[in-house]
PDB file of N, CA and C in Angstrom:
ATOM      1  N   MET A   1     108.170 154.982  98.944  1.00  0.00           N
ATOM      2  CA  MET A   1     108.126 154.106 100.346  1.00  0.00           C
ATOM      3  C   MET A   1     107.953 152.217  99.089  1.00  0.00           C
ATOM      4  N   THR A   2     106.461 152.363  98.237  1.00  0.00           N
ATOM      5  CA  THR A   2     105.905 152.407  97.706  1.00  0.00           C
ATOM      6  C   THR A   2     106.921 151.701  96.324  1.00  0.00           C
ATOM      7  N   PHE A   3     107.539 152.612  96.040  1.00  0.00           N
ATOM      8  CA  PHE A   3     108.671 151.823  94.760  1.00  0.00           C
ATOM      9  C   PHE A   3     109.636 151.147  95.499  1.00  0.00           C
ATOM     10  N   LEU A   4     109.926 151.368  96.661  1.00  0.00           N
ATOM     11  CA  LEU A   4     111.102 150.577  97.220  1.00  0.00           C
ATOM     12  C   LEU A   4     110.723 149.037  97.370  1.00  0.00           C
ATOM     13  N   PHE A   5     109.622 148.578  97.967  1.00  0.00           N
ATOM     14  CA  PHE A   5     108.705 147.720  97.836  1.00  0.00           C
ATOM     15  C   PHE A   5     108.701 147.091  96.682  1.00  0.00           C
ATOM     16  N   THR A   6     107.966 147.808  95.599  1.00  0.00           N
ATOM     17  CA  THR A   6     107.927 147.065  94.846  1.00  0.00           C
ATOM     18  C   THR A   6     109.640 146.561  94.212  1.00  0.00           C
ATOM     19  N   LEU A   7     110.029 147.418  93.845  1.00  0.00           N
ATOM     20  CA  LEU A   7     110.927 147.253  93.567  1.00  0.00           C
ATOM     21  C   LEU A   7     112.165 145.762  94.663  1.00  0.00           C
ATOM     22  N   LEU A   8     112.106 145.540  95.731  1.00  0.00           N
ATOM     23  CA  LEU A   8     112.131 144.838  96.717  1.00  0.00           C
ATOM     24  C   LEU A   8     112.155 142.926  96.358  1.00  0.00           C
ATOM     25  N   SER A   9     110.692 143.326  96.524  1.00  0.00           N
ATOM     26  CA  SER A   9     110.037 142.250  96.280  1.00  0.00           C
ATOM     27  C   SER A   9     110.297 141.515  94.690  1.00  0.00           C
ATOM     28  N   PHE A  10     110.471 142.633  93.558  1.00  0.00           N
ATOM     29  CA  PHE A  10     110.671 142.133  91.917  1.00  0.00           C
ATOM     30  C   PHE A  10     111.781 141.457  92.560  1.00  0.00           C
ATOM     31  N   ALA A  11     113.124 142.169  93.009  1.00  0.00           N
ATOM     32  CA  ALA A  11     113.856 141.452  93.524  1.00  0.00           C
ATOM     33  C   ALA A  11     114.107 139.765  93.841  1.00  0.00           C
ATOM     34  N   VAL A  12     113.081 139.575  94.751  1.00  0.00           N
ATOM     35  CA  VAL A  12     113.265 139.088  95.703  1.00  0.00           C
ATOM     36  C   VAL A  12     112.686 137.550  94.383  1.00  0.00           C
ATOM     37  N   ALA A  13     111.449 138.378  94.314  1.00  0.00           N
ATOM     38  CA  ALA A  13     110.927 137.053  92.675  1.00  0.00           C
ATOM     39  C   ALA A  13     111.795 136.483  91.237  1.00  0.00           C
ATOM     40  N   LEU A  14     112.422 138.031  91.804  1.00  0.00           N
ATOM     41  CA  LEU A  14     113.093 137.375  90.227  1.00  0.00           C
ATOM     42  C   LEU A  14     114.077 135.990  90.094  1.00  0.00           C
ATOM     43  N   LEU A  15     114.858 136.584  91.425  1.00  0.00           N
ATOM     44  CA  LEU A  15     116.444 135.620  92.282  1.00  0.00           C
ATOM     45  C   LEU A  15     115.384 133.952  92.294  1.00  0.00           C
ATOM     46  N   LEU A  16     114.149 133.945  92.891  1.00  0.00           N
ATOM     47  CA  LEU A  16     114.105 132.944  93.970  1.00  0.00           C
ATOM     48  C   LEU A  16     112.953 132.206  92.117  1.00  0.00           C
ATOM     49  N   SER A  17     112.196 133.170  90.673  1.00  0.00           N
ATOM     50  CA  SER A  17     111.885 132.113  89.865  1.00  0.00           C
ATOM     51  C   SER A  17     113.491 131.896  89.286  1.00  0.00           C
ATOM     52  N   ILE A  18     114.126 132.058  89.461  1.00  0.00           N
ATOM     53  CA  ILE A  18     115.475 131.291  88.525  1.00  0.00           C
ATOM     54  C   ILE A  18     115.878 130.790  88.770  1.00  0.00           C
ATOM     55  N   LEU A  19     116.497 130.845  90.124  1.00  0.00           N
ATOM     56  CA  LEU A  19     116.651 129.359  91.145  1.00  0.00           C
ATOM     57  C   LEU A  19     115.855 128.644  90.506  1.00  0.00           C
ATOM     58  N   GLY A  20     114.638 128.686  90.839  1.00  0.00           N
ATOM     59  CA  GLY A  20     113.260 127.617  90.585  1.00  0.00           C
ATOM     60  C   GLY A  20     113.341 127.024  89.285  1.00  0.00           C
ATOM     61  N   THR A  21     113.200 128.112  87.921  1.00  0.00           N
ATOM     62  CA  THR A  21     113.981 127.728  86.955  1.00  0.00           C
ATOM     63  C   THR A  21     115.255 127.057  86.637  1.00  0.00           C
ATOM     64  N   ILE A  22     116.042 126.989  87.250  1.00  0.00           N
ATOM     65  CA  ILE A  22     117.254 126.676  87.085  1.00  0.00           C
ATOM     66  C   ILE A  22     117.096 125.174  87.727  1.00  0.00           C
ATOM     67  N   VAL A  23     116.964 125.061  88.916  1.00  0.00           N
ATOM     68  CA  VAL A  23     116.227 124.000  89.310  1.00  0.00           C
ATOM     69  C   VAL A  23     115.627 123.109  88.295  1.00  0.00           C
ATOM     70  N   TYR A  24     114.170 123.156  87.835  1.00  0.00           N
ATOM     71  CA  TYR A  24     113.663 122.634  87.013  1.00  0.00           C
ATOM     72  C   TYR A  24     113.712 122.100  85.865  1.00  0.00           C
ATOM     73  N   SER A  25     115.104 122.923  85.528  1.00  0.00           N
ATOM     74  CA  SER A  25     115.277 123.025  83.937  1.00  0.00           C
ATOM     75  C   SER A  25     116.437 121.238  84.702  1.00  0.00           C
ATOM     76  N   GLN A  26     117.553 121.732  85.292  1.00  0.00           N
ATOM     77  CA  GLN A  26     118.000 120.631  86.006  1.00  0.00           C
ATOM     78  C   GLN A  26     117.627 118.674  86.497  1.00  0.00           C
ATOM     79  N   VAL A  27     116.258 118.945  86.988  1.00  0.00           N
ATOM     80  CA  VAL A  27     114.902 118.219  86.314  1.00  0.00           C
ATOM     81  C   VAL A  27     114.770 117.274  85.155  1.00  0.00           C
ATOM     82  N   GLU A  28     114.117 117.514  84.581  1.00  0.00           N
ATOM     83  CA  GLU A  28     113.839 117.671  83.898  1.00  0.00           C
ATOM     84  C   GLU A  28     115.293 117.622  82.102  1.00  0.00           C
ATOM     85  N   HIS A  29     115.782 117.961  82.782  1.00  0.00           N
ATOM     86  CA  HIS A  29     117.048 117.714  81.908  1.00  0.00           C
ATOM     87  C   HIS A  29     116.720 118.179  79.686  1.00  0.00           C
ATOM     88  N   ILE A  30     116.079 119.989  80.739  1.00  0.00           N
ATOM     89  CA  ILE A  30     116.081 121.231  79.565  1.00  0.00           C
ATOM     90  C   ILE A  30     116.951 122.215  78.875  1.00  0.00           C
ATOM     91  N   ALA A  31     117.050 122.640  78.705  1.00  0.00           N
ATOM     92  CA  ALA A  31     118.214 124.216  78.763  1.00  0.00           C
ATOM     93  C   ALA A  31     117.223 125.472  79.931  1.00  0.00           C
ATOM     94  N   PRO A  32     117.198 126.292  81.358  1.00  0.00           N
ATOM     95  CA  PRO A  32     116.986 126.700  81.129  1.00  0.00           C
ATOM     96  C   PRO A  32     116.416 127.943  80.897  1.00  0.00           C
ATOM     97  N   ASN A  33     114.973 128.191  80.244  1.00  0.00           N
ATOM     98  CA  ASN A  33     114.170 129.189  79.970  1.00  0.00           C
ATOM     99  C   ASN A  33     113.886 130.782  81.254  1.00  0.00           C
ATOM    100  N   LEU A  34     115.522 131.117  80.784  1.00  0.00           N
ATOM    101  CA  LEU A  34     114.992 132.402  81.951  1.00  0.00           C
ATOM    102  C   LEU A  34     114.371 133.414  81.297  1.00  0.00           C
ATOM    103  N   THR A  35     113.530 133.734  80.782  1.00  0.00           N
ATOM    104  CA  THR A  35     112.917 134.597  80.016  1.00  0.00           C
ATOM    105  C   THR A  35     111.385 134.781  80.702  1.00  0.00           C
ATOM    106  N   PHE A  36     111.106 133.314  80.598  1.00  0.00           N
ATOM    107  CA  PHE A  36     110.046 132.908  81.235  1.00  0.00           C
ATOM    108  C   PHE A  36     110.285 132.897  83.142  1.00  0.00           C
ATOM    109  N   ALA A  37     111.308 133.272  83.852  1.00  0.00           N
ATOM    110  CA  ALA A  37     111.420 133.384  85.220  1.00  0.00           C
ATOM    111  C   ALA A  37     110.993 135.158  85.319  1.00  0.00           C
ATOM    112  N   TYR A  38     111.201 135.727  84.471  1.00  0.00           N
ATOM    113  CA  TYR A  38     111.184 137.538  83.906  1.00  0.00           C
ATOM    114  C   TYR A  38     109.766 137.507  83.672  1.00  0.00           C
ATOM    115  N   ARG A  39     109.113 137.685  82.797  1.00  0.00           N
ATOM    116  CA  ARG A  39     108.221 137.931  82.022  1.00  0.00           C
ATOM    117  C   ARG A  39     107.223 137.666  83.244  1.00  0.00           C
ATOM    118  N   HIS A  40     107.023 136.178  83.589  1.00  0.00           N
ATOM    119  CA  HIS A  40     105.765 135.654  83.463  1.00  0.00           C
ATOM    120  C   HIS A  40     105.397 135.647  84.946  1.00  0.00           C
ATOM    121  N   ILE A  41     106.302 135.387  85.376  1.00  0.00           N
ATOM    122  CA  ILE A  41     107.133 135.013  87.724  1.00  0.00           C
ATOM    123  C   ILE A  41     106.758 136.328  87.673  1.00  0.00           C
ATOM    124  N   ALA A  42     108.408 137.155  87.870  1.00  0.00           N
ATOM    125  CA  ALA A  42     108.716 138.231  88.882  1.00  0.00           C
ATOM    126  C   ALA A  42     108.179 139.637  88.158  1.00  0.00           C
ATOM    127  N   PHE A  43     107.915 139.674  86.977  1.00  0.00           N
ATOM    128  CA  PHE A  43     107.493 140.331  87.063  1.00  0.00           C
ATOM    129  C   PHE A  43     106.290 140.623  87.262  1.00  0.00           C
ATOM    130  N   PRO A  44     104.997 139.901  86.949  1.00  0.00           N
ATOM    131  CA  PRO A  44     103.754 140.129  87.161  1.00  0.00           C
ATOM    132  C   PRO A  44     103.011 140.115  89.193  1.00  0.00           C
ATOM    133  N   PHE A  45     104.578 139.901  90.197  1.00  0.00           N
ATOM    134  CA  PHE A  45     104.272 139.013  91.641  1.00  0.00           C
ATOM    135  C   PHE A  45     104.641 140.828  91.731  1.00  0.00           C
ATOM    136  N   ALA A  46     105.717 141.263  91.152  1.00  0.00           N
ATOM    137  CA  ALA A  46     105.662 143.069  91.751  1.00  0.00           C
ATOM    138  C   ALA A  46     105.286 144.078  91.364  1.00  0.00           C
ATOM    139  N   ILE A  47     104.326 143.551  89.837  1.00  0.00           N
ATOM    140  CA  ILE A  47     103.110 144.352  90.401  1.00  0.00           C
ATOM    141  C   ILE A  47     101.765 144.403  91.484  1.00  0.00           C
ATOM    142  N   CYS A  48     102.016 142.645  91.525  1.00  0.00           N
ATOM    143  CA  CYS A  48     100.885 143.647  92.470  1.00  0.00           C
ATOM    144  C   CYS A  48     101.273 143.260  93.961  1.00  0.00           C
ATOM    145  N   VAL A  49     102.767 143.359  94.196  1.00  0.00           N
ATOM    146  CA  VAL A  49     103.124 143.681  95.236  1.00  0.00           C
ATOM    147  C   VAL A  49     102.923 144.990  95.592  1.00  0.00           C
ATOM    148  N   GLY A  50     102.800 145.736  94.304  1.00  0.00           N
ATOM    149  CA  GLY A  50     103.189 147.502  94.126  1.00  0.00           C
ATOM    150  C   GLY A  50     101.934 148.254  94.828  1.00  0.00           C
ATOM    151  N   ALA A  51     100.426 147.245  94.860  1.00  0.00           N
ATOM    152  CA  ALA A  51      98.973 147.248  93.967  1.00  0.00           C
ATOM    153  C   ALA A  51      99.005 147.181  95.412  1.00  0.00           C
ATOM    154  N   ILE A  52      99.643 146.226  96.042  1.00  0.00           N
ATOM    155  CA  ILE A  52      99.226 146.081  97.897  1.00  0.00           C
ATOM    156  C   ILE A  52      99.488 147.189  98.395  1.00  0.00           C
ATOM    157  N   VAL A  53     100.653 147.689  98.286  1.00  0.00           N
ATOM    158  CA  VAL A  53     101.896 148.362  99.051  1.00  0.00           C
ATOM    159  C   VAL A  53     100.935 150.116  98.679  1.00  0.00           C
ATOM    160  N   LEU A  54     100.639 150.153  97.688  1.00  0.00           N
ATOM    161  CA  LEU A  54     100.222 151.272  97.642  1.00  0.00           C
ATOM    162  C   LEU A  54      98.862 151.790  98.296  1.00  0.00           C
ATOM    163  N   ILE A  55      97.337 150.518  98.147  1.00  0.00           N
ATOM    164  CA  ILE A  55      96.654 150.772  98.870  1.00  0.00           C
ATOM    165  C   ILE A  55      96.941 150.631 100.529  1.00  0.00           C
ATOM    166  N   VAL A  56      97.812 149.474 100.762  1.00  0.00           N
ATOM    167  CA  VAL A  56      98.065 149.685 102.728  1.00  0.00           C
ATOM    168  C   VAL A  56      98.503 151.216 102.875  1.00  0.00           C
ATOM    169  N   THR A  57      98.946 151.839 102.503  1.00  0.00           N
ATOM    170  CA  THR A  57     100.584 153.030 102.672  1.00  0.00           C
ATOM    171  C   THR A  57      99.226 154.158 102.283  1.00  0.00           C
ATOM    172  N   LEU A  58      98.136 154.215 101.264  1.00  0.00           N
ATOM    173  CA  LEU A  58      96.711 155.545 101.514  1.00  0.00           C
ATOM    174  C   LEU A  58      96.459 154.747 102.388  1.00  0.00           C
ATOM    175  N   ILE A  59      95.798 153.874 102.701  1.00  0.00           N
ATOM    176  CA  ILE A  59      95.137 153.886 104.036  1.00  0.00           C
ATOM    177  C   ILE A  59      95.655 154.341 105.527  1.00  0.00           C
ATOM    178  N   ILE A  60      97.081 154.208 105.571  1.00  0.00           N
ATOM    179  CA  ILE A  60      97.547 154.670 106.118  1.00  0.00           C
ATOM    180  C   ILE A  60      97.327 156.249 106.683  1.00  0.00           C
ATOM    181  N   GLU A  61      97.952 156.298 104.888  1.00  0.00           N
ATOM    182  CA  GLU A  61      98.692 157.865 105.514  1.00  0.00           C
ATOM    183  C   GLU A  61      96.993 158.555 105.672  1.00  0.00           C
ATOM    184  N   ILE A  62      95.417 158.056 104.793  1.00  0.00           N
ATOM    185  CA  ILE A  62      94.227 158.942 105.397  1.00  0.00           C
ATOM    186  C   ILE A  62      93.545 158.465 107.012  1.00  0.00           C
ATOM    187  N   ARG A  63      94.447 157.199 107.783  1.00  0.00           N
ATOM    188  CA  ARG A  63      93.812 157.947 108.990  1.00  0.00           C
ATOM    189  C   ARG A  63      94.810 158.319 110.226  1.00  0.00           C
ATOM    190  N   ASN A  64      95.338 159.025 109.484  1.00  0.00           N
ATOM    191  CA  ASN A  64      97.363 159.322 109.800  1.00  0.00           C
ATOM    192  C   ASN A  64      96.628 161.255 110.106  1.00  0.00           C
ATOM    193  N   TYR A  65      96.207 160.989 108.344  1.00  0.00           N
ATOM    194  CA  TYR A  65      95.668 162.665 108.513  1.00  0.00           C
ATOM    195  C   TYR A  65      93.983 162.746 109.359  1.00  0.00           C
ATOM    196  N   ARG A  66      93.708 162.375 109.455  1.00  0.00           N
ATOM    197  CA  ARG A  66      91.928 161.637 110.241  1.00  0.00           C
ATOM    198  C   ARG A  66      91.942 162.555 111.860  1.00  0.00           C
ATOM    199  N   GLN A  67      93.089 161.014 112.045  1.00  0.00           N
ATOM    200  CA  GLN A  67      93.339 161.418 113.387  1.00  0.00           C
ATOM    201  C   GLN A  67      94.551 163.340 113.731  1.00  0.00           C
ATOM    202  N   ARG A  68      94.643 163.095 112.983  1.00  0.00           N
ATOM    203  CA  ARG A  68      95.505 164.730 113.232  1.00  0.00           C
ATOM    204  C   ARG A  68      94.907 166.064 112.825  1.00  0.00           C
ATOM    205  N   ARG A  69      93.689 165.529 112.099  1.00  0.00           N
ATOM    206  CA  ARG A  69      92.868 166.400 112.098  1.00  0.00           C
ATOM    207  C   ARG A  69      91.921 166.626 113.578  1.00  0.00           C
ATOM    208  N   ILE A  70      91.382 165.518 113.774  1.00  0.00           N
ATOM    209  CA  ILE A  70      90.674 165.525 115.467  1.00  0.00           C
ATOM    210  C   ILE A  70      91.325 166.508 116.614  1.00  0.00           C
ATOM    211  N   LEU A  71      92.789 165.613 116.174  1.00  0.00           N
ATOM    212  CA  LEU A  71      93.719 166.066 117.533  1.00  0.00           C
ATOM    213  C   LEU A  71      93.730 167.310 117.826  1.00  0.00           C
ATOM    214  N   ASP A  72      93.670 167.987 116.048  1.00  0.00           N
ATOM    215  CA  ASP A  72      93.397 169.538 115.878  1.00  0.00           C
ATOM    216  C   ASP A  72      92.715 170.230 116.511  1.00  0.00           C
ATOM    217  N   ALA A  73      91.366 169.659 116.177  1.00  0.00           N
ATOM    218  CA  ALA A  73      90.058 170.120 116.676  1.00  0.00           C
ATOM    219  C   ALA A  73      90.574 170.860 117.783  1.00  0.00           C
ATOM    220  N   ILE A  74      90.366 169.183 118.883  1.00  0.00           N
ATOM    221  CA  ILE A  74      90.585 169.059 120.322  1.00  0.00           C
ATOM    222  C   ILE A  74      91.244 170.220 120.446  1.00  0.00           C
ATOM    223  N   GLU A  75      93.069 170.560 119.968  1.00  0.00           N
ATOM    224  CA  GLU A  75      93.412 171.325 120.811  1.00  0.00           C
ATOM    225  C   GLU A  75      93.345 172.790 121.100  1.00  0.00           C
ATOM    226  N   ARG A  76      92.713 172.931 119.540  1.00  0.00           N
ATOM    227  CA  ARG A  76      91.605 174.465 119.574  1.00  0.00           C
ATOM    228  C   ARG A  76      90.511 174.802 120.947  1.00  0.00           C
ATOM    229  N   THR A  77      90.151 173.381 120.319  1.00  0.00           N
ATOM    230  CA  THR A  77      88.968 173.736 121.693  1.00  0.00           C
ATOM    231  C   THR A  77      89.362 174.190 123.150  1.00  0.00           C
ATOM    232  N   SER A  78      90.744 173.109 123.456  1.00  0.00           N
ATOM    233  CA  SER A  78      90.828 174.056 125.156  1.00  0.00           C
ATOM    234  C   SER A  78      91.541 174.606 125.351  1.00  0.00           C
TER     235      SER A  78
END
């Protein structure tokens, strides 16, 4: 799940940064620098989203594990 969200965020960020770079280059009448969109916008954004998704997934899994452990203990005592 973490990999998929990271990949999806990278694709969306790359699309938006390329579109933004093209619009900026048209407004300023310069050649578009698409490597800037990849290296300085999309890749760092995907890394940040990947880290956030990993942390959220770990928190959810730990919560589910604790809840399952407590429910198993209740079931054994009944």
